[in-house]
């Protein structure tokens, strides 16, 4: 069986739980022993519940850099002060303070601002078709 990664919320140890009683009897899920976070309960198609628990959002690499700014006034160069820039995948945003830039970068990381990849969509379609084939009795 695949090893379970630690809980994505608290870092606690995760375990596979097979439910034997109650309204979810016959289902399985992954549960954190420390904070009790859990995956969805799976009944019929249990092949993916461990890999779903182990899936993590990609870590975003966001740079925060100080930028010297100069302007031109009456034909002379003047220093306009510094600003802070975050850079993500070739895009940038400028902020008046380092704190503002870092707070924005942290918010982007928390939101997982990177959408799913083409591989994710292809994998989802493959799994959907496999489930439909299994449901319809086609074992090819």
N, C-alpha and C. Protein backbone atom coordinates (compact mmCIF):
# COMPACT_ATOMS: atom_id res chain seq x y z
N UNK A 1 0.84 -1.19 0.00
CA UNK A 1 0.00 0.00 0.00
C UNK A 1 0.88 1.25 0.00
N UNK A 2 0.41 2.30 -0.60
CA UNK A 2 1.14 3.56 -0.70
C UNK A 2 1.28 4.20 0.68
N UNK A 3 2.46 4.75 0.95
CA UNK A 3 2.66 5.46 2.21
C UNK A 3 1.87 6.75 2.21
N UNK A 4 1.31 7.08 3.34
CA UNK A 4 0.54 8.32 3.48
C UNK A 4 1.47 9.47 3.86
N UNK A 5 1.28 10.60 3.21
CA UNK A 5 2.01 11.80 3.60
C UNK A 5 1.40 12.35 4.88
N UNK A 6 2.17 13.17 5.63
CA UNK A 6 1.60 13.79 6.83
C UNK A 6 0.42 14.69 6.47
N UNK A 7 -0.35 15.04 7.46
CA UNK A 7 -1.50 15.91 7.28
C UNK A 7 -1.07 17.24 6.65
N UNK A 8 -1.77 17.70 5.61
CA UNK A 8 -1.39 18.97 4.99
C UNK A 8 -1.74 20.18 5.86
N UNK A 9 -2.52 19.98 6.90
CA UNK A 9 -2.94 21.09 7.75
C UNK A 9 -2.07 21.26 8.99
N UNK A 10 -1.77 20.13 9.67
CA UNK A 10 -1.02 20.25 10.92
C UNK A 10 0.29 19.47 10.91
N UNK A 11 0.52 18.64 9.89
CA UNK A 11 1.74 17.84 9.82
C UNK A 11 1.66 16.55 10.62
N UNK A 12 0.49 16.26 11.20
CA UNK A 12 0.32 15.05 12.00
C UNK A 12 0.32 13.78 11.17
N UNK A 13 0.39 12.64 11.86
CA UNK A 13 0.40 11.33 11.21
C UNK A 13 -1.00 11.01 10.67
N UNK A 14 -1.03 10.49 9.44
CA UNK A 14 -2.30 10.13 8.82
C UNK A 14 -2.46 8.61 8.84
N UNK A 15 -3.71 8.16 8.87
CA UNK A 15 -3.99 6.73 8.84
C UNK A 15 -5.18 6.45 7.94
N UNK A 16 -5.20 5.25 7.37
CA UNK A 16 -6.34 4.80 6.57
C UNK A 16 -7.40 4.27 7.53
N UNK A 17 -8.64 4.69 7.32
CA UNK A 17 -9.74 4.26 8.19
C UNK A 17 -10.77 3.54 7.33
N UNK A 18 -11.13 2.33 7.73
CA UNK A 18 -12.18 1.56 7.07
C UNK A 18 -13.39 1.59 8.01
N UNK A 19 -14.46 2.20 7.55
CA UNK A 19 -15.63 2.44 8.40
C UNK A 19 -16.54 1.21 8.38
N UNK A 20 -16.85 0.70 9.56
CA UNK A 20 -17.64 -0.53 9.66
C UNK A 20 -19.05 -0.31 10.18
N UNK A 21 -19.31 0.86 10.79
CA UNK A 21 -20.63 1.10 11.38
C UNK A 21 -21.16 2.46 10.96
N UNK A 22 -22.46 2.65 11.13
CA UNK A 22 -23.08 3.94 10.88
C UNK A 22 -23.42 4.17 9.42
N UNK A 23 -23.78 5.40 9.12
CA UNK A 23 -24.25 5.73 7.77
C UNK A 23 -23.15 5.61 6.71
N UNK A 24 -21.88 5.65 7.11
CA UNK A 24 -20.78 5.51 6.16
C UNK A 24 -20.16 4.12 6.17
N UNK A 25 -20.86 3.14 6.73
CA UNK A 25 -20.34 1.77 6.80
C UNK A 25 -19.99 1.27 5.40
N UNK A 26 -18.83 0.64 5.29
CA UNK A 26 -18.36 0.14 4.01
C UNK A 26 -17.46 1.12 3.28
N UNK A 27 -17.37 2.33 3.78
CA UNK A 27 -16.53 3.35 3.15
C UNK A 27 -15.14 3.37 3.76
N UNK A 28 -14.24 4.05 3.09
CA UNK A 28 -12.87 4.23 3.57
C UNK A 28 -12.46 5.68 3.38
N UNK A 29 -11.55 6.13 4.24
CA UNK A 29 -11.02 7.48 4.12
C UNK A 29 -9.65 7.53 4.76
N UNK A 30 -9.00 8.66 4.65
CA UNK A 30 -7.74 8.91 5.33
C UNK A 30 -8.02 9.98 6.37
N UNK A 31 -7.49 9.80 7.58
CA UNK A 31 -7.77 10.72 8.67
C UNK A 31 -6.48 11.06 9.40
N UNK A 32 -6.33 12.32 9.81
CA UNK A 32 -5.18 12.75 10.60
C UNK A 32 -5.43 12.36 12.06
N UNK A 33 -4.45 11.71 12.68
CA UNK A 33 -4.59 11.29 14.07
C UNK A 33 -4.52 12.48 15.03
N UNK A 34 -3.94 13.60 14.58
CA UNK A 34 -3.75 14.74 15.47
C UNK A 34 -4.91 15.74 15.41
N UNK A 35 -5.21 16.27 14.21
CA UNK A 35 -6.25 17.31 14.12
C UNK A 35 -7.58 16.77 13.59
N UNK A 36 -7.61 15.49 13.21
CA UNK A 36 -8.81 14.79 12.74
C UNK A 36 -9.30 15.26 11.37
N UNK A 37 -8.47 15.99 10.61
CA UNK A 37 -8.83 16.32 9.23
C UNK A 37 -8.95 15.00 8.48
N UNK A 38 -9.85 14.95 7.50
CA UNK A 38 -10.01 13.69 6.77
C UNK A 38 -10.30 13.95 5.30
N UNK A 39 -10.08 12.91 4.51
CA UNK A 39 -10.44 12.95 3.10
C UNK A 39 -11.93 12.65 2.99
N UNK A 40 -12.46 12.71 1.79
CA UNK A 40 -13.83 12.28 1.56
C UNK A 40 -13.93 10.78 1.80
N UNK A 41 -15.10 10.33 2.21
CA UNK A 41 -15.33 8.90 2.37
C UNK A 41 -15.59 8.32 0.98
N UNK A 42 -14.84 7.29 0.63
CA UNK A 42 -15.00 6.62 -0.66
C UNK A 42 -15.68 5.28 -0.45
N UNK A 43 -16.63 4.96 -1.32
CA UNK A 43 -17.34 3.69 -1.21
C UNK A 43 -16.98 2.74 -2.34
N UNK A 44 -17.38 3.06 -3.56
CA UNK A 44 -17.19 2.12 -4.67
C UNK A 44 -15.80 2.18 -5.29
N UNK A 45 -15.29 3.37 -5.50
CA UNK A 45 -14.03 3.53 -6.22
C UNK A 45 -12.94 3.96 -5.26
N UNK A 46 -12.41 3.01 -4.52
CA UNK A 46 -11.45 3.30 -3.46
C UNK A 46 -10.01 3.39 -3.95
N UNK A 47 -9.79 3.17 -5.23
CA UNK A 47 -8.41 3.12 -5.71
C UNK A 47 -7.67 4.45 -5.61
N UNK A 48 -8.39 5.55 -5.45
CA UNK A 48 -7.72 6.85 -5.48
C UNK A 48 -7.71 7.61 -4.16
N UNK A 49 -8.33 7.09 -3.11
CA UNK A 49 -8.45 7.94 -1.92
C UNK A 49 -7.11 8.21 -1.25
N UNK A 50 -6.16 7.28 -1.31
CA UNK A 50 -4.84 7.52 -0.74
C UNK A 50 -4.07 8.52 -1.60
N UNK A 51 -4.10 8.34 -2.92
CA UNK A 51 -3.38 9.28 -3.79
C UNK A 51 -4.00 10.68 -3.71
N UNK A 52 -5.32 10.76 -3.50
CA UNK A 52 -5.94 12.08 -3.34
C UNK A 52 -5.45 12.75 -2.06
N UNK A 53 -5.31 11.98 -0.97
CA UNK A 53 -4.78 12.54 0.28
C UNK A 53 -3.35 13.02 0.07
N UNK A 54 -2.56 12.24 -0.65
CA UNK A 54 -1.14 12.57 -0.85
C UNK A 54 -0.91 13.70 -1.85
N UNK A 55 -1.92 14.06 -2.63
CA UNK A 55 -1.75 15.12 -3.62
C UNK A 55 -1.63 16.46 -2.90
N UNK A 56 -0.65 17.25 -3.32
CA UNK A 56 -0.43 18.57 -2.74
C UNK A 56 -0.39 19.60 -3.86
N UNK A 57 -0.85 20.77 -3.53
CA UNK A 57 -0.78 21.86 -4.51
C UNK A 57 0.69 22.17 -4.78
N UNK A 58 1.00 22.53 -6.02
CA UNK A 58 2.40 22.87 -6.31
C UNK A 58 2.82 24.09 -5.50
N UNK A 59 4.06 24.07 -5.06
CA UNK A 59 4.59 25.20 -4.32
C UNK A 59 4.95 26.31 -5.31
N UNK A 60 4.41 27.47 -5.09
CA UNK A 60 4.68 28.59 -5.97
C UNK A 60 6.00 29.25 -5.59
N UNK A 61 6.74 29.61 -6.60
CA UNK A 61 7.97 30.35 -6.38
C UNK A 61 7.71 31.81 -6.71
N UNK A 62 7.64 32.64 -5.68
CA UNK A 62 7.37 34.05 -5.88
C UNK A 62 8.54 34.85 -5.33
N UNK A 63 9.14 35.64 -6.17
CA UNK A 63 10.27 36.47 -5.75
C UNK A 63 9.76 37.83 -5.29
N UNK A 64 10.36 38.34 -4.22
CA UNK A 64 10.10 39.71 -3.78
C UNK A 64 11.43 40.44 -3.88
N UNK A 65 11.46 41.51 -4.67
CA UNK A 65 12.73 42.21 -4.88
C UNK A 65 12.55 43.72 -4.74
N UNK A 66 13.61 44.36 -4.29
CA UNK A 66 13.63 45.82 -4.15
C UNK A 66 14.04 46.42 -5.49
N UNK A 67 13.34 47.46 -5.90
CA UNK A 67 13.61 48.09 -7.19
C UNK A 67 13.88 49.58 -6.96
N UNK A 68 15.00 50.06 -7.50
CA UNK A 68 15.29 51.49 -7.44
C UNK A 68 14.54 52.18 -8.57
N UNK A 69 13.87 53.24 -8.25
CA UNK A 69 13.07 53.93 -9.25
C UNK A 69 13.63 55.33 -9.47
N UNK A 70 13.79 55.70 -10.72
CA UNK A 70 14.21 57.06 -11.07
C UNK A 70 13.21 57.64 -12.05
N UNK A 71 13.07 58.94 -12.02
CA UNK A 71 12.19 59.63 -12.96
C UNK A 71 12.98 60.76 -13.62
N UNK A 72 12.41 61.30 -14.65
CA UNK A 72 13.02 62.43 -15.35
C UNK A 72 12.12 63.63 -15.17
N UNK A 73 12.71 64.75 -14.77
CA UNK A 73 11.95 65.98 -14.59
C UNK A 73 12.77 67.13 -15.16
N UNK A 74 12.20 67.84 -16.10
CA UNK A 74 12.88 68.96 -16.76
C UNK A 74 14.23 68.55 -17.33
N UNK A 75 14.29 67.33 -17.87
CA UNK A 75 15.51 66.86 -18.50
C UNK A 75 16.56 66.33 -17.54
N UNK A 76 16.25 66.31 -16.26
CA UNK A 76 17.21 65.82 -15.27
C UNK A 76 16.66 64.57 -14.58
N UNK A 77 17.57 63.68 -14.27
CA UNK A 77 17.18 62.45 -13.58
C UNK A 77 17.02 62.74 -12.09
N UNK A 78 15.92 62.29 -11.54
CA UNK A 78 15.66 62.43 -10.10
C UNK A 78 15.36 61.07 -9.52
N UNK A 79 15.79 60.87 -8.29
CA UNK A 79 15.45 59.61 -7.63
C UNK A 79 14.02 59.71 -7.12
N UNK A 80 13.23 58.71 -7.45
CA UNK A 80 11.82 58.73 -7.06
C UNK A 80 11.55 57.82 -5.86
N UNK A 81 12.59 57.20 -5.34
CA UNK A 81 12.39 56.30 -4.21
C UNK A 81 12.34 54.86 -4.65
N UNK A 82 12.25 53.99 -3.68
CA UNK A 82 12.24 52.56 -3.96
C UNK A 82 10.82 52.02 -3.91
N UNK A 83 10.63 50.91 -4.57
CA UNK A 83 9.40 50.16 -4.41
C UNK A 83 9.76 48.68 -4.44
N UNK A 84 8.79 47.85 -4.11
CA UNK A 84 9.02 46.41 -4.02
C UNK A 84 8.18 45.71 -5.07
N UNK A 85 8.77 44.73 -5.70
CA UNK A 85 8.12 44.02 -6.80
C UNK A 85 8.05 42.53 -6.49
N UNK A 86 6.89 41.93 -6.78
CA UNK A 86 6.81 40.47 -6.75
C UNK A 86 6.76 39.98 -8.19
N UNK A 87 7.40 38.84 -8.43
CA UNK A 87 7.47 38.28 -9.78
C UNK A 87 6.98 36.83 -9.71
N UNK A 88 6.02 36.50 -10.57
CA UNK A 88 5.46 35.15 -10.63
C UNK A 88 5.22 34.79 -12.09
N UNK A 89 5.90 33.79 -12.57
CA UNK A 89 5.72 33.30 -13.95
C UNK A 89 5.77 34.42 -14.99
N UNK A 90 6.71 35.33 -14.83
CA UNK A 90 6.89 36.39 -15.81
C UNK A 90 5.99 37.60 -15.61
N UNK A 91 5.07 37.54 -14.67
CA UNK A 91 4.21 38.67 -14.35
C UNK A 91 4.76 39.36 -13.11
N UNK A 92 4.47 40.64 -12.98
CA UNK A 92 4.95 41.33 -11.78
C UNK A 92 3.90 42.31 -11.28
N UNK A 93 4.03 42.66 -10.01
CA UNK A 93 3.19 43.68 -9.39
C UNK A 93 4.09 44.47 -8.45
N UNK A 94 3.88 45.78 -8.40
CA UNK A 94 4.72 46.66 -7.60
C UNK A 94 3.97 47.18 -6.38
N UNK A 95 4.71 47.34 -5.27
CA UNK A 95 4.13 47.76 -3.99
C UNK A 95 5.01 48.82 -3.36
N UNK A 96 4.42 49.71 -2.57
CA UNK A 96 5.20 50.80 -1.97
C UNK A 96 6.09 50.34 -0.81
N UNK A 97 5.75 49.20 -0.19
CA UNK A 97 6.55 48.73 0.95
C UNK A 97 6.86 47.24 0.80
N UNK A 98 7.92 46.81 1.46
CA UNK A 98 8.29 45.40 1.45
C UNK A 98 7.21 44.55 2.13
N UNK A 99 6.65 45.07 3.22
CA UNK A 99 5.60 44.34 3.94
C UNK A 99 4.39 44.08 3.05
N UNK A 100 3.97 45.09 2.30
CA UNK A 100 2.82 44.93 1.41
C UNK A 100 3.12 43.87 0.35
N UNK A 101 4.32 43.89 -0.22
CA UNK A 101 4.69 42.91 -1.25
C UNK A 101 4.71 41.50 -0.67
N UNK A 102 5.31 41.33 0.51
CA UNK A 102 5.39 40.00 1.12
C UNK A 102 4.01 39.49 1.52
N UNK A 103 3.16 40.37 2.04
CA UNK A 103 1.80 39.95 2.40
C UNK A 103 1.02 39.48 1.17
N UNK A 104 1.17 40.20 0.07
CA UNK A 104 0.49 39.81 -1.16
C UNK A 104 1.03 38.48 -1.68
N UNK A 105 2.35 38.32 -1.65
CA UNK A 105 2.96 37.06 -2.10
C UNK A 105 2.47 35.89 -1.25
N UNK A 106 2.39 36.09 0.07
CA UNK A 106 1.89 35.03 0.96
C UNK A 106 0.44 34.69 0.65
N UNK A 107 -0.37 35.71 0.36
CA UNK A 107 -1.78 35.47 0.03
C UNK A 107 -1.90 34.65 -1.25
N UNK A 108 -1.07 34.94 -2.24
CA UNK A 108 -1.10 34.17 -3.48
C UNK A 108 -0.73 32.72 -3.20
N UNK A 109 0.29 32.50 -2.38
CA UNK A 109 0.70 31.13 -2.06
C UNK A 109 -0.41 30.38 -1.34
N UNK A 110 -1.09 31.05 -0.40
CA UNK A 110 -2.17 30.39 0.34
C UNK A 110 -3.32 30.02 -0.58
N UNK A 111 -3.59 30.85 -1.57
CA UNK A 111 -4.70 30.59 -2.49
C UNK A 111 -4.35 29.56 -3.55
N UNK A 112 -3.06 29.26 -3.70
CA UNK A 112 -2.67 28.33 -4.75
C UNK A 112 -3.03 28.89 -6.11
N UNK A 113 -2.55 30.08 -6.39
CA UNK A 113 -2.96 30.82 -7.58
C UNK A 113 -2.58 30.15 -8.89
N UNK A 114 -1.99 29.01 -8.83
CA UNK A 114 -1.62 28.31 -10.05
C UNK A 114 -2.70 27.28 -10.35
N UNK A 115 -3.31 27.37 -11.49
CA UNK A 115 -4.39 26.46 -11.84
C UNK A 115 -3.88 25.07 -12.16
N UNK A 116 -4.80 24.13 -12.38
CA UNK A 116 -4.39 22.77 -12.70
C UNK A 116 -3.68 22.70 -14.05
N UNK A 117 -2.80 21.75 -14.18
CA UNK A 117 -2.05 21.58 -15.42
C UNK A 117 -2.85 20.74 -16.41
N UNK A 118 -2.40 20.72 -17.65
CA UNK A 118 -3.05 19.89 -18.66
C UNK A 118 -3.00 18.42 -18.26
N UNK A 119 -1.91 18.01 -17.59
CA UNK A 119 -1.80 16.62 -17.13
C UNK A 119 -2.92 16.29 -16.14
N UNK A 120 -3.28 17.26 -15.30
CA UNK A 120 -4.34 17.04 -14.32
C UNK A 120 -5.66 16.78 -15.04
N UNK A 121 -5.96 17.58 -16.06
CA UNK A 121 -7.20 17.39 -16.81
C UNK A 121 -7.20 16.04 -17.54
N UNK A 122 -6.06 15.68 -18.14
CA UNK A 122 -5.97 14.41 -18.86
C UNK A 122 -6.17 13.24 -17.90
N UNK A 123 -5.55 13.33 -16.72
CA UNK A 123 -5.69 12.27 -15.72
C UNK A 123 -7.14 12.17 -15.23
N UNK A 124 -7.78 13.31 -15.01
CA UNK A 124 -9.18 13.31 -14.57
C UNK A 124 -10.07 12.66 -15.63
N UNK A 125 -9.83 12.99 -16.90
CA UNK A 125 -10.63 12.40 -17.97
C UNK A 125 -10.40 10.89 -18.06
N UNK A 126 -9.14 10.46 -17.92
CA UNK A 126 -8.82 9.03 -17.96
C UNK A 126 -9.54 8.29 -16.84
N UNK A 127 -9.50 8.86 -15.62
CA UNK A 127 -10.16 8.21 -14.48
C UNK A 127 -11.68 8.17 -14.67
N UNK A 128 -12.24 9.26 -15.18
CA UNK A 128 -13.68 9.32 -15.42
C UNK A 128 -14.10 8.24 -16.41
N UNK A 129 -13.36 8.12 -17.51
CA UNK A 129 -13.67 7.11 -18.52
C UNK A 129 -13.50 5.70 -17.97
N UNK A 130 -12.47 5.48 -17.15
CA UNK A 130 -12.25 4.16 -16.56
C UNK A 130 -13.41 3.80 -15.63
N UNK A 131 -13.89 4.76 -14.87
CA UNK A 131 -15.02 4.50 -13.97
C UNK A 131 -16.29 4.20 -14.77
N UNK A 132 -16.50 4.95 -15.85
CA UNK A 132 -17.69 4.73 -16.69
C UNK A 132 -17.62 3.34 -17.31
N UNK A 133 -16.43 2.94 -17.78
CA UNK A 133 -16.27 1.60 -18.37
C UNK A 133 -16.54 0.52 -17.33
N UNK A 134 -16.03 0.72 -16.12
CA UNK A 134 -16.22 -0.25 -15.04
C UNK A 134 -17.70 -0.35 -14.68
N UNK A 135 -18.36 0.79 -14.61
CA UNK A 135 -19.78 0.82 -14.28
C UNK A 135 -20.61 0.13 -15.36
N UNK A 136 -20.21 0.32 -16.63
CA UNK A 136 -20.95 -0.24 -17.75
C UNK A 136 -20.55 -1.68 -18.06
N UNK A 137 -19.59 -2.23 -17.30
CA UNK A 137 -19.19 -3.62 -17.48
C UNK A 137 -18.14 -3.84 -18.55
N UNK A 138 -17.52 -2.79 -19.06
CA UNK A 138 -16.48 -2.91 -20.08
C UNK A 138 -15.13 -2.95 -19.37
N UNK A 139 -14.48 -4.09 -19.35
CA UNK A 139 -13.21 -4.26 -18.63
C UNK A 139 -11.99 -4.08 -19.51
N UNK A 140 -12.10 -3.45 -20.66
CA UNK A 140 -10.95 -3.27 -21.57
C UNK A 140 -9.91 -2.41 -20.95
